[in-house]
C-alpha atoms as a PDB file:
ATOM      1  CA  MET A   1       1.350 -51.697-116.020  1.00  0.00           C
ATOM      2  CA  SER A   2       4.174 -49.329-115.583  1.00  0.00           C
ATOM      3  CA  ASP A   3       7.943 -49.758-114.354  1.00  0.00           C
ATOM      4  CA  VAL A   4       9.713 -48.284-111.350  1.00  0.00           C
ATOM      5  CA  THR A   5      10.109 -44.547-112.830  1.00  0.00           C
ATOM      6  CA  GLY A   6       5.868 -44.727-113.524  1.00  0.00           C
ATOM      7  CA  HIS A   7       6.478 -44.741-117.216  1.00  0.00           C
ATOM      8  CA  GLU A   8       5.030 -47.256-119.229  1.00  0.00           C
ATOM      9  CA  PRO A   9       7.422 -50.087-120.370  1.00  0.00           C
ATOM     10  CA  THR A  10       9.237 -49.853-123.414  1.00  0.00           C
ATOM     11  CA  GLN A  11      10.433 -52.532-125.623  1.00  0.00           C
ATOM     12  CA  ASP A  12      13.165 -54.653-124.851  1.00  0.00           C
ATOM     13  CA  PRO A  13      16.371 -53.149-126.582  1.00  0.00           C
ATOM     14  CA  SER A  14      17.655 -54.361-129.886  1.00  0.00           C
ATOM     15  CA  LEU A  15      20.952 -56.094-130.375  1.00  0.00           C
ATOM     16  CA  GLY A  16      22.359 -53.103-131.794  1.00  0.00           C
ATOM     17  CA  GLN A  17      21.476 -50.886-129.080  1.00  0.00           C
ATOM     18  CA  LEU A  18      22.853 -53.394-126.376  1.00  0.00           C
ATOM     19  CA  VAL A  19      26.242 -53.172-128.304  1.00  0.00           C
ATOM     20  CA  GLY A  20      26.001 -49.571-128.224  1.00  0.00           C
ATOM     21  CA  GLN A  21      25.441 -49.399-124.560  1.00  0.00           C
ATOM     22  CA  LEU A  22      28.379 -52.042-124.371  1.00  0.00           C
ATOM     23  CA  SER A  23      30.461 -49.844-126.210  1.00  0.00           C
ATOM     24  CA  ASP A  24      29.841 -46.480-124.600  1.00  0.00           C
ATOM     25  CA  GLN A  25      29.979 -48.226-120.977  1.00  0.00           C
ATOM     26  CA  THR A  26      33.227 -49.892-121.917  1.00  0.00           C
ATOM     27  CA  SER A  27      34.534 -46.494-123.157  1.00  0.00           C
ATOM     28  CA  ARG A  28      33.383 -44.623-120.119  1.00  0.00           C
ATOM     29  CA  LEU A  29      34.935 -47.618-117.970  1.00  0.00           C
ATOM     30  CA  VAL A  30      38.421 -47.375-119.389  1.00  0.00           C
ATOM     31  CA  ARG A  31      38.392 -43.496-119.106  1.00  0.00           C
ATOM     32  CA  ASP A  32      37.570 -43.851-115.425  1.00  0.00           C
ATOM     33  CA  GLU A  33      40.467 -46.614-114.936  1.00  0.00           C
ATOM     34  CA  VAL A  34      42.922 -44.316-116.786  1.00  0.00           C
ATOM     35  CA  LYS A  35      41.844 -41.385-114.634  1.00  0.00           C
ATOM     36  CA  LEU A  36      42.026 -43.411-111.634  1.00  0.00           C
ATOM     37  CA  ALA A  37      45.530 -44.406-112.316  1.00  0.00           C
ATOM     38  CA  LYS A  38      46.476 -41.017-113.357  1.00  0.00           C
ATOM     39  CA  THR A  39      45.279 -39.682-110.043  1.00  0.00           C
ATOM     40  CA  GLU A  40      47.362 -42.409-107.779  1.00  0.00           C
ATOM     41  CA  LEU A  41      50.286 -41.564-109.885  1.00  0.00           C
ATOM     42  CA  GLN A  42      50.026 -37.776-109.295  1.00  0.00           C
ATOM     43  CA  SER A  43      50.004 -38.066-105.766  1.00  0.00           C
ATOM     44  CA  SER A  44      52.839 -40.408-105.574  1.00  0.00           C
ATOM     45  CA  VAL A  45      54.813 -38.376-107.641  1.00  0.00           C
ATOM     46  CA  LYS A  46      53.980 -35.212-105.937  1.00  0.00           C
ATOM     47  CA  HIS A  47      55.082 -36.611-102.480  1.00  0.00           C
ATOM     48  CA  ALA A  48      58.308 -38.123-104.305  1.00  0.00           C
ATOM     49  CA  GLY A  49      59.193 -34.618-105.425  1.00  0.00           C
ATOM     50  CA  VAL A  50      58.651 -32.867-102.339  1.00  0.00           C
ATOM     51  CA  GLY A  51      60.673 -35.602-100.748  1.00  0.00           C
ATOM     52  CA  VAL A  52      63.405 -35.407-103.007  1.00  0.00           C
ATOM     53  CA  GLY A  53      63.513 -31.725-102.576  1.00  0.00           C
ATOM     54  CA  LEU A  54      63.759 -31.808 -98.997  1.00  0.00           C
ATOM     55  CA  PHE A  55      66.414 -34.574 -98.928  1.00  0.00           C
ATOM     56  CA  GLY A  56      68.571 -32.650-101.369  1.00  0.00           C
ATOM     57  CA  GLY A  57      68.322 -29.335 -99.049  1.00  0.00           C
ATOM     58  CA  ALA A  58      69.323 -31.557 -96.109  1.00  0.00           C
ATOM     59  CA  GLY A  59      71.712 -33.524 -98.173  1.00  0.00           C
ATOM     60  CA  LEU A  60      73.599 -30.232 -98.826  1.00  0.00           C
ATOM     61  CA  PHE A  61      73.944 -29.016 -95.093  1.00  0.00           C
ATOM     62  CA  ALA A  62      74.844 -32.840 -94.059  1.00  0.00           C
ATOM     63  CA  LEU A  63      77.793 -32.575 -96.886  1.00  0.00           C
ATOM     64  CA  LEU A  64      79.160 -29.140 -95.403  1.00  0.00           C
ATOM     65  CA  GLY A  65      79.077 -30.763 -92.039  1.00  0.00           C
ATOM     66  CA  LEU A  66      80.768 -34.038 -93.354  1.00  0.00           C
ATOM     67  CA  ILE A  67      83.562 -32.099 -95.112  1.00  0.00           C
ATOM     68  CA  THR A  68      84.154 -30.190 -92.167  1.00  0.00           C
ATOM     69  CA  LEU A  69      84.257 -33.595 -90.169  1.00  0.00           C
ATOM     70  CA  ILE A  70      86.324 -35.342 -92.428  1.00  0.00           C
ATOM     71  CA  GLY A  71      89.007 -32.316 -92.384  1.00  0.00           C
ATOM     72  CA  ALA A  72      89.013 -32.531 -88.515  1.00  0.00           C
ATOM     73  CA  ALA A  73      89.509 -36.399 -88.705  1.00  0.00           C
ATOM     74  CA  VAL A  74      92.572 -36.192 -91.209  1.00  0.00           C
ATOM     75  CA  ALA A  75      93.852 -33.471 -88.805  1.00  0.00           C
ATOM     76  CA  ALA A  76      93.539 -35.710 -85.712  1.00  0.00           C
ATOM     77  CA  LEU A  77      94.991 -38.754 -87.328  1.00  0.00           C
ATOM     78  CA  SER A  78      97.903 -36.585 -88.834  1.00  0.00           C
ATOM     79  CA  LEU A  79      98.693 -35.981 -85.027  1.00  0.00           C
ATOM     80  CA  THR A  80     100.009 -39.671 -84.879  1.00  0.00           C
ATOM     81  CA  LEU A  81     100.556 -40.546 -88.489  1.00  0.00           C
ATOM     82  CA  GLU A  82     101.893 -38.904 -91.716  1.00  0.00           C
ATOM     83  CA  VAL A  83      99.116 -36.520 -93.153  1.00  0.00           C
ATOM     84  CA  TRP A  84      98.932 -38.750 -96.527  1.00  0.00           C
ATOM     85  CA  LEU A  85      98.376 -41.956 -94.486  1.00  0.00           C
ATOM     86  CA  SER A  86      95.818 -39.974 -92.381  1.00  0.00           C
ATOM     87  CA  ALA A  87      94.059 -38.816 -95.552  1.00  0.00           C
ATOM     88  CA  LEU A  88      94.198 -42.234 -97.018  1.00  0.00           C
ATOM     89  CA  ILE A  89      92.663 -43.884 -94.128  1.00  0.00           C
ATOM     90  CA  VAL A  90      89.871 -41.516 -93.843  1.00  0.00           C
ATOM     91  CA  GLY A  91      88.985 -41.600 -97.747  1.00  0.00           C
ATOM     92  CA  VAL A  92      88.751 -45.580 -97.632  1.00  0.00           C
ATOM     93  CA  VAL A  93      86.274 -45.062 -94.336  1.00  0.00           C
ATOM     94  CA  LEU A  94      84.154 -42.869 -96.702  1.00  0.00           C
ATOM     95  CA  PHE A  95      84.124 -44.983 -99.557  1.00  0.00           C
ATOM     96  CA  VAL A  96      82.705 -47.818 -97.482  1.00  0.00           C
ATOM     97  CA  ILE A  97      80.099 -45.743 -96.005  1.00  0.00           C
ATOM     98  CA  ALA A  98      79.065 -44.556 -99.524  1.00  0.00           C
ATOM     99  CA  GLY A  99      78.707 -48.406-100.846  1.00  0.00           C
ATOM    100  CA  ILE A 100      76.652 -49.397 -97.620  1.00  0.00           C
ATOM    101  CA  VAL A 101      74.216 -46.221 -98.424  1.00  0.00           C
ATOM    102  CA  ALA A 102      73.943 -46.978-102.128  1.00  0.00           C
ATOM    103  CA  LEU A 103      72.993 -50.622-101.366  1.00  0.00           C
ATOM    104  CA  ILE A 104      70.278 -49.038 -98.868  1.00  0.00           C
ATOM    105  CA  GLY A 105      69.075 -46.844-101.552  1.00  0.00           C
ATOM    106  CA  LYS A 106      68.952 -49.346-104.062  1.00  0.00           C
ATOM    107  CA  LYS A 107      66.925 -51.722-101.803  1.00  0.00           C
ATOM    108  CA  GLN A 108      64.366 -48.711-101.353  1.00  0.00           C
ATOM    109  CA  VAL A 109      63.974 -48.218-105.129  1.00  0.00           C
ATOM    110  CA  GLY A 110      63.271 -51.663-105.677  1.00  0.00           C
ATOM    111  CA  GLU A 111      60.259 -51.532-103.205  1.00  0.00           C
ATOM    112  CA  ILE A 112      58.502 -49.251-105.654  1.00  0.00           C
ATOM    113  CA  GLY A 113      55.297 -50.965-106.810  1.00  0.00           C
ATOM    114  CA  PRO A 114      52.548 -50.181-109.447  1.00  0.00           C
ATOM    115  CA  PRO A 115      49.174 -48.652-108.583  1.00  0.00           C
ATOM    116  CA  GLU A 116      47.537 -51.279-106.938  1.00  0.00           C
ATOM    117  CA  ARG A 117      43.913 -49.922-106.603  1.00  0.00           C
ATOM    118  CA  THR A 118      43.787 -49.587-109.921  1.00  0.00           C
ATOM    119  CA  ILE A 119      45.067 -53.262-111.183  1.00  0.00           C
ATOM    120  CA  ASP A 120      42.659 -54.413-108.519  1.00  0.00           C
ATOM    121  CA  ASN A 121      39.771 -52.427-109.933  1.00  0.00           C
ATOM    122  CA  VAL A 122      40.618 -53.450-113.832  1.00  0.00           C
ATOM    123  CA  LYS A 123      40.675 -57.071-112.607  1.00  0.00           C
ATOM    124  CA  LYS A 124      37.183 -56.777-110.791  1.00  0.00           C
ATOM    125  CA  ASP A 125      35.890 -55.131-114.131  1.00  0.00           C
ATOM    126  CA  ILE A 126      37.157 -57.789-116.520  1.00  0.00           C
ATOM    127  CA  ALA A 127      35.874 -60.204-114.082  1.00  0.00           C
ATOM    128  CA  THR A 128      32.417 -58.631-114.161  1.00  0.00           C
ATOM    129  CA  VAL A 129      32.225 -58.386-118.041  1.00  0.00           C
ATOM    130  CA  LYS A 130      33.175 -61.965-118.083  1.00  0.00           C
ATOM    131  CA  ASP A 131      30.546 -63.047-115.898  1.00  0.00           C
ATOM    132  CA  ARG A 132      27.784 -61.111-117.781  1.00  0.00           C
ATOM    133  CA  ARG A 133      28.985 -62.589-120.781  1.00  0.00           C
ATOM    134  CA  SER A 134      28.286 -65.920-119.878  1.00  0.00           C
END
């Protein structure tokens, strides 16, 4: 009687052969999972790098505009108040804005998560190995 490939059936593999196959398959599985994690992280890092670069460029122009507006605010307030008091008021407002922006940035950084697909795959792999051992 022949198997699906059309060849005569061979003997069942020995325990040593099965352990060798398990070792090879486990090694390949670990390499594949590491490769998947690496690919996911590279993609995330690439997008983060481009985003940071663009934000940096936008930030430079925003800073130049902000400096101009700050000078205009101080000049406008100095029409009714002393110049030093005008500069102090504008400075305090800027520190409040900086604190709010820092809190929002901290919240965004806190939302960075691990590579979910890789973790799910590893959990499935572990469950499969456990099921086959039983």
